[in-house]
Amino acid sequence: MNKLQQMIDELLGTFTQQELERLTGVDQGSISKFKNGKIKNPSMAKGDAIRGFYFSWKQEKAPAVQS
């Protein structure tokens, strides 16, 4: 399983494919193909959209550091 598949699996634990399409701009068919490993070399734009959303989402989920 590649890193993009892992990101999508984690996102799909919280969001539906329809929600991810709305949030990332990547169509549900491509999300499904990425998840199932059917696309080995995703386009830069689609991969970057998913990665960008994933890292923003992870940052929002992270607990704030208290000083």
PDB file of N, CA and C in Angstrom:
ATOM      1  N   MET A   1       0.859  -1.182   0.000  1.00  0.00           N
ATOM      2  CA  MET A   1       0.000   0.000   0.000  1.00  0.00           C
ATOM      3  C   MET A   1       0.898   1.236   0.000  1.00  0.00           C
ATOM      4  N   ASN A   2       0.635   2.152  -0.922  1.00  0.00           N
ATOM      5  CA  ASN A   2       1.458   3.365  -0.968  1.00  0.00           C
ATOM      6  C   ASN A   2       0.922   4.434  -0.011  1.00  0.00           C
ATOM      7  N   LYS A   3       1.699   5.472   0.142  1.00  0.00           N
ATOM      8  CA  LYS A   3       1.368   6.531   1.108  1.00  0.00           C
ATOM      9  C   LYS A   3       0.024   7.204   0.781  1.00  0.00           C
ATOM     10  N   LEU A   4      -0.232   7.456  -0.508  1.00  0.00           N
ATOM     11  CA  LEU A   4      -1.496   8.091  -0.899  1.00  0.00           C
ATOM     12  C   LEU A   4      -2.679   7.194  -0.526  1.00  0.00           C
ATOM     13  N   GLN A   5      -2.546   5.886  -0.731  1.00  0.00           N
ATOM     14  CA  GLN A   5      -3.612   4.958  -0.341  1.00  0.00           C
ATOM     15  C   GLN A   5      -3.838   5.011   1.167  1.00  0.00           C
ATOM     16  N   GLN A   6      -2.766   5.080   1.931  1.00  0.00           N
ATOM     17  CA  GLN A   6      -2.892   5.154   3.388  1.00  0.00           C
ATOM     18  C   GLN A   6      -3.619   6.429   3.805  1.00  0.00           C
ATOM     19  N   MET A   7      -3.287   7.536   3.155  1.00  0.00           N
ATOM     20  CA  MET A   7      -3.955   8.806   3.462  1.00  0.00           C
ATOM     21  C   MET A   7      -5.447   8.704   3.170  1.00  0.00           C
ATOM     22  N   ILE A   8      -5.775   8.161   1.998  1.00  0.00           N
ATOM     23  CA  ILE A   8      -7.180   8.042   1.608  1.00  0.00           C
ATOM     24  C   ILE A   8      -7.924   7.117   2.566  1.00  0.00           C
ATOM     25  N   ASP A   9      -7.311   5.995   2.928  1.00  0.00           N
ATOM     26  CA  ASP A   9      -7.951   5.088   3.889  1.00  0.00           C
ATOM     27  C   ASP A   9      -8.249   5.804   5.200  1.00  0.00           C
ATOM     28  N   GLU A  10      -7.295   6.584   5.666  1.00  0.00           N
ATOM     29  CA  GLU A  10      -7.494   7.309   6.921  1.00  0.00           C
ATOM     30  C   GLU A  10      -8.602   8.352   6.775  1.00  0.00           C
ATOM     31  N   LEU A  11      -8.602   9.072   5.662  1.00  0.00           N
ATOM     32  CA  LEU A  11      -9.643  10.076   5.427  1.00  0.00           C
ATOM     33  C   LEU A  11     -11.022   9.432   5.323  1.00  0.00           C
ATOM     34  N   LEU A  12     -11.085   8.261   4.681  1.00  0.00           N
ATOM     35  CA  LEU A  12     -12.377   7.586   4.517  1.00  0.00           C
ATOM     36  C   LEU A  12     -12.897   7.010   5.830  1.00  0.00           C
ATOM     37  N   GLY A  13     -12.077   6.995   6.855  1.00  0.00           N
ATOM     38  CA  GLY A  13     -12.553   6.626   8.182  1.00  0.00           C
ATOM     39  C   GLY A  13     -13.386   7.735   8.803  1.00  0.00           C
ATOM     40  N   THR A  14     -13.242   8.948   8.263  1.00  0.00           N
ATOM     41  CA  THR A  14     -13.957  10.112   8.788  1.00  0.00           C
ATOM     42  C   THR A  14     -14.951  10.690   7.786  1.00  0.00           C
ATOM     43  N   PHE A  15     -14.579  10.679   6.507  1.00  0.00           N
ATOM     44  CA  PHE A  15     -15.383  11.301   5.453  1.00  0.00           C
ATOM     45  C   PHE A  15     -15.868  10.251   4.459  1.00  0.00           C
ATOM     46  N   THR A  16     -16.995  10.530   3.800  1.00  0.00           N
ATOM     47  CA  THR A  16     -17.448   9.682   2.697  1.00  0.00           C
ATOM     48  C   THR A  16     -16.693  10.099   1.439  1.00  0.00           C
ATOM     49  N   GLN A  17     -16.761   9.272   0.407  1.00  0.00           N
ATOM     50  CA  GLN A  17     -16.125   9.637  -0.863  1.00  0.00           C
ATOM     51  C   GLN A  17     -16.757  10.908  -1.426  1.00  0.00           C
ATOM     52  N   GLN A  18     -18.063  11.054  -1.237  1.00  0.00           N
ATOM     53  CA  GLN A  18     -18.754  12.250  -1.723  1.00  0.00           C
ATOM     54  C   GLN A  18     -18.227  13.494  -1.007  1.00  0.00           C
ATOM     55  N   GLU A  19     -18.035  13.395   0.300  1.00  0.00           N
ATOM     56  CA  GLU A  19     -17.494  14.531   1.058  1.00  0.00           C
ATOM     57  C   GLU A  19     -16.067  14.841   0.620  1.00  0.00           C
ATOM     58  N   LEU A  20     -15.259  13.794   0.407  1.00  0.00           N
ATOM     59  CA  LEU A  20     -13.881  14.021  -0.043  1.00  0.00           C
ATOM     60  C   LEU A  20     -13.848  14.685  -1.413  1.00  0.00           C
ATOM     61  N   GLU A  21     -14.761  14.293  -2.287  1.00  0.00           N
ATOM     62  CA  GLU A  21     -14.830  14.928  -3.602  1.00  0.00           C
ATOM     63  C   GLU A  21     -15.092  16.426  -3.436  1.00  0.00           C
ATOM     64  N   ARG A  22     -16.044  16.757  -2.583  1.00  0.00           N
ATOM     65  CA  ARG A  22     -16.381  18.166  -2.356  1.00  0.00           C
ATOM     66  C   ARG A  22     -15.208  18.912  -1.716  1.00  0.00           C
ATOM     67  N   LEU A  23     -14.527  18.282  -0.776  1.00  0.00           N
ATOM     68  CA  LEU A  23     -13.457  18.942  -0.028  1.00  0.00           C
ATOM     69  C   LEU A  23     -12.139  19.044  -0.795  1.00  0.00           C
ATOM     70  N   THR A  24     -11.871  18.068  -1.679  1.00  0.00           N
ATOM     71  CA  THR A  24     -10.585  18.046  -2.388  1.00  0.00           C
ATOM     72  C   THR A  24     -10.692  18.430  -3.855  1.00  0.00           C
ATOM     73  N   GLY A  25     -11.894  18.314  -4.421  1.00  0.00           N
ATOM     74  CA  GLY A  25     -12.048  18.567  -5.849  1.00  0.00           C
ATOM     75  C   GLY A  25     -11.657  17.369  -6.707  1.00  0.00           C
ATOM     76  N   VAL A  26     -11.357  16.228  -6.079  1.00  0.00           N
ATOM     77  CA  VAL A  26     -11.001  15.002  -6.799  1.00  0.00           C
ATOM     78  C   VAL A  26     -12.260  14.148  -6.907  1.00  0.00           C
ATOM     79  N   ASP A  27     -12.596  13.717  -8.139  1.00  0.00           N
ATOM     80  CA  ASP A  27     -13.839  12.973  -8.338  1.00  0.00           C
ATOM     81  C   ASP A  27     -13.827  11.635  -7.596  1.00  0.00           C
ATOM     82  N   GLN A  28     -15.030  11.167  -7.252  1.00  0.00           N
ATOM     83  CA  GLN A  28     -15.181   9.936  -6.469  1.00  0.00           C
ATOM     84  C   GLN A  28     -14.581   8.724  -7.169  1.00  0.00           C
ATOM     85  N   GLY A  29     -14.675   8.677  -8.488  1.00  0.00           N
ATOM     86  CA  GLY A  29     -14.102   7.558  -9.242  1.00  0.00           C
ATOM     87  C   GLY A  29     -12.600   7.471  -9.041  1.00  0.00           C
ATOM     88  N   SER A  30     -11.932   8.616  -9.088  1.00  0.00           N
ATOM     89  CA  SER A  30     -10.480   8.634  -8.880  1.00  0.00           C
ATOM     90  C   SER A  30     -10.131   8.275  -7.441  1.00  0.00           C
ATOM     91  N   ILE A  31     -10.908   8.783  -6.485  1.00  0.00           N
ATOM     92  CA  ILE A  31     -10.665   8.455  -5.074  1.00  0.00           C
ATOM     93  C   ILE A  31     -10.762   6.944  -4.879  1.00  0.00           C
ATOM     94  N   SER A  32     -11.787   6.329  -5.452  1.00  0.00           N
ATOM     95  CA  SER A  32     -11.973   4.885  -5.342  1.00  0.00           C
ATOM     96  C   SER A  32     -10.810   4.133  -5.987  1.00  0.00           C
ATOM     97  N   LYS A  33     -10.377   4.586  -7.154  1.00  0.00           N
ATOM     98  CA  LYS A  33      -9.261   3.928  -7.842  1.00  0.00           C
ATOM     99  C   LYS A  33      -7.967   4.073  -7.055  1.00  0.00           C
ATOM    100  N   PHE A  34      -7.721   5.251  -6.494  1.00  0.00           N
ATOM    101  CA  PHE A  34      -6.531   5.433  -5.653  1.00  0.00           C
ATOM    102  C   PHE A  34      -6.590   4.475  -4.469  1.00  0.00           C
ATOM    103  N   LYS A  35      -7.747   4.433  -3.813  1.00  0.00           N
ATOM    104  CA  LYS A  35      -7.926   3.609  -2.616  1.00  0.00           C
ATOM    105  C   LYS A  35      -7.660   2.141  -2.916  1.00  0.00           C
ATOM    106  N   ASN A  36      -8.110   1.682  -4.064  1.00  0.00           N
ATOM    107  CA  ASN A  36      -7.971   0.274  -4.433  1.00  0.00           C
ATOM    108  C   ASN A  36      -6.664  -0.033  -5.160  1.00  0.00           C
ATOM    109  N   GLY A  37      -5.801   0.960  -5.305  1.00  0.00           N
ATOM    110  CA  GLY A  37      -4.510   0.749  -5.955  1.00  0.00           C
ATOM    111  C   GLY A  37      -4.595   0.556  -7.454  1.00  0.00           C
ATOM    112  N   LYS A  38      -5.695   0.995  -8.063  1.00  0.00           N
ATOM    113  CA  LYS A  38      -5.872   0.825  -9.506  1.00  0.00           C
ATOM    114  C   LYS A  38      -5.154   1.906 -10.308  1.00  0.00           C
ATOM    115  N   ILE A  39      -4.768   2.995  -9.652  1.00  0.00           N
ATOM    116  CA  ILE A  39      -4.005   4.053 -10.311  1.00  0.00           C
ATOM    117  C   ILE A  39      -2.626   4.054  -9.671  1.00  0.00           C
ATOM    118  N   LYS A  40      -1.629   3.661 -10.435  1.00  0.00           N
ATOM    119  CA  LYS A  40      -0.275   3.564  -9.893  1.00  0.00           C
ATOM    120  C   LYS A  40       0.437   4.913  -9.910  1.00  0.00           C
ATOM    121  N   ASN A  41       0.157   5.728 -10.909  1.00  0.00           N
ATOM    122  CA  ASN A  41       0.801   7.039 -11.036  1.00  0.00           C
ATOM    123  C   ASN A  41      -0.259   8.125 -11.137  1.00  0.00           C
ATOM    124  N   PRO A  42      -0.787   8.561  -9.999  1.00  0.00           N
ATOM    125  CA  PRO A  42      -1.844   9.581 -10.031  1.00  0.00           C
ATOM    126  C   PRO A  42      -1.324  10.898 -10.592  1.00  0.00           C
ATOM    127  N   SER A  43      -2.219  11.663 -11.185  1.00  0.00           N
ATOM    128  CA  SER A  43      -1.811  12.979 -11.683  1.00  0.00           C
ATOM    129  C   SER A  43      -1.349  13.822 -10.505  1.00  0.00           C
ATOM    130  N   MET A  44      -0.416  14.701 -10.775  1.00  0.00           N
ATOM    131  CA  MET A  44       0.120  15.558  -9.717  1.00  0.00           C
ATOM    132  C   MET A  44      -0.993  16.375  -9.066  1.00  0.00           C
ATOM    133  N   ALA A  45      -1.904  16.909  -9.870  1.00  0.00           N
ATOM    134  CA  ALA A  45      -2.956  17.775  -9.331  1.00  0.00           C
ATOM    135  C   ALA A  45      -3.855  17.010  -8.359  1.00  0.00           C
ATOM    136  N   LYS A  46      -4.275  15.806  -8.736  1.00  0.00           N
ATOM    137  CA  LYS A  46      -5.162  15.027  -7.868  1.00  0.00           C
ATOM    138  C   LYS A  46      -4.428  14.569  -6.616  1.00  0.00           C
ATOM    139  N   GLY A  47      -3.222  14.070  -6.780  1.00  0.00           N
ATOM    140  CA  GLY A  47      -2.434  13.632  -5.626  1.00  0.00           C
ATOM    141  C   GLY A  47      -2.149  14.783  -4.678  1.00  0.00           C
ATOM    142  N   ASP A  48      -1.779  15.936  -5.244  1.00  0.00           N
ATOM    143  CA  ASP A  48      -1.494  17.111  -4.414  1.00  0.00           C
ATOM    144  C   ASP A  48      -2.740  17.601  -3.685  1.00  0.00           C
ATOM    145  N   ALA A  49      -3.901  17.532  -4.345  1.00  0.00           N
ATOM    146  CA  ALA A  49      -5.153  17.970  -3.711  1.00  0.00           C
ATOM    147  C   ALA A  49      -5.466  17.094  -2.499  1.00  0.00           C
ATOM    148  N   ILE A  50      -5.292  15.789  -2.654  1.00  0.00           N
ATOM    149  CA  ILE A  50      -5.566  14.869  -1.541  1.00  0.00           C
ATOM    150  C   ILE A  50      -4.541  15.065  -0.434  1.00  0.00           C
ATOM    151  N   ARG A  51      -3.264  15.141  -0.794  1.00  0.00           N
ATOM    152  CA  ARG A  51      -2.210  15.339   0.212  1.00  0.00           C
ATOM    153  C   ARG A  51      -2.405  16.654   0.969  1.00  0.00           C
ATOM    154  N   GLY A  52      -2.699  17.719   0.234  1.00  0.00           N
ATOM    155  CA  GLY A  52      -2.896  19.024   0.864  1.00  0.00           C
ATOM    156  C   GLY A  52      -4.036  18.996   1.865  1.00  0.00           C
ATOM    157  N   PHE A  53      -5.157  18.394   1.465  1.00  0.00           N
ATOM    158  CA  PHE A  53      -6.290  18.303   2.379  1.00  0.00           C
ATOM    159  C   PHE A  53      -5.946  17.424   3.572  1.00  0.00           C
ATOM    160  N   TYR A  54      -5.279  16.299   3.319  1.00  0.00           N
ATOM    161  CA  TYR A  54      -4.911  15.369   4.392  1.00  0.00           C
ATOM    162  C   TYR A  54      -4.061  16.067   5.446  1.00  0.00           C
ATOM    163  N   PHE A  55      -3.021  16.787   5.025  1.00  0.00           N
ATOM    164  CA  PHE A  55      -2.134  17.432   5.991  1.00  0.00           C
ATOM    165  C   PHE A  55      -2.834  18.570   6.736  1.00  0.00           C
ATOM    166  N   SER A  56      -3.710  19.297   6.076  1.00  0.00           N
ATOM    167  CA  SER A  56      -4.492  20.340   6.758  1.00  0.00           C
ATOM    168  C   SER A  56      -5.408  19.712   7.802  1.00  0.00           C
ATOM    169  N   TRP A  57      -6.052  18.625   7.423  1.00  0.00           N
ATOM    170  CA  TRP A  57      -6.960  17.914   8.323  1.00  0.00           C
ATOM    171  C   TRP A  57      -6.204  17.367   9.523  1.00  0.00           C
ATOM    172  N   LYS A  58      -5.037  16.773   9.292  1.00  0.00           N
ATOM    173  CA  LYS A  58      -4.233  16.226  10.393  1.00  0.00           C
ATOM    174  C   LYS A  58      -3.800  17.339  11.346  1.00  0.00           C
ATOM    175  N   GLN A  59      -3.445  18.478  10.779  1.00  0.00           N
ATOM    176  CA  GLN A  59      -3.004  19.603  11.605  1.00  0.00           C
ATOM    177  C   GLN A  59      -4.150  20.100  12.487  1.00  0.00           C
ATOM    178  N   GLU A  60      -5.354  20.149  11.933  1.00  0.00           N
ATOM    179  CA  GLU A  60      -6.526  20.575  12.713  1.00  0.00           C
ATOM    180  C   GLU A  60      -6.849  19.578  13.817  1.00  0.00           C
ATOM    181  N   LYS A  61      -6.610  18.283  13.552  1.00  0.00           N
ATOM    182  CA  LYS A  61      -6.902  17.235  14.532  1.00  0.00           C
ATOM    183  C   LYS A  61      -5.885  17.197  15.664  1.00  0.00           C
ATOM    184  N   ALA A  62      -4.669  17.646  15.392  1.00  0.00           N
ATOM    185  CA  ALA A  62      -3.591  17.554  16.383  1.00  0.00           C
ATOM    186  C   ALA A  62      -3.910  18.423  17.592  1.00  0.00           C
ATOM    187  N   PRO A  63      -3.625  17.913  18.771  1.00  0.00           N
ATOM    188  CA  PRO A  63      -3.871  18.721  19.971  1.00  0.00           C
ATOM    189  C   PRO A  63      -2.923  19.916  20.012  1.00  0.00           C
ATOM    190  N   ALA A  64      -3.412  21.013  20.504  1.00  0.00           N
ATOM    191  CA  ALA A  64      -2.586  22.221  20.619  1.00  0.00           C
ATOM    192  C   ALA A  64      -1.521  21.993  21.682  1.00  0.00           C
ATOM    193  N   VAL A  65      -0.338  22.484  21.413  1.00  0.00           N
ATOM    194  CA  VAL A  65       0.763  22.344  22.364  1.00  0.00           C
ATOM    195  C   VAL A  65       0.666  23.478  23.372  1.00  0.00           C
ATOM    196  N   GLN A  66       0.650  23.122  24.634  1.00  0.00           N
ATOM    197  CA  GLN A  66       0.574  24.112  25.713  1.00  0.00           C
ATOM    198  C   GLN A  66       1.985  24.470  26.150  1.00  0.00           C
ATOM    199  N   SER A  67       2.257  25.750  26.355  1.00  0.00           N
ATOM    200  CA  SER A  67       3.596  26.129  26.829  1.00  0.00           C
ATOM    201  C   SER A  67       3.568  26.629  28.244  1.00  0.00           C
TER     202      SER A  67
END
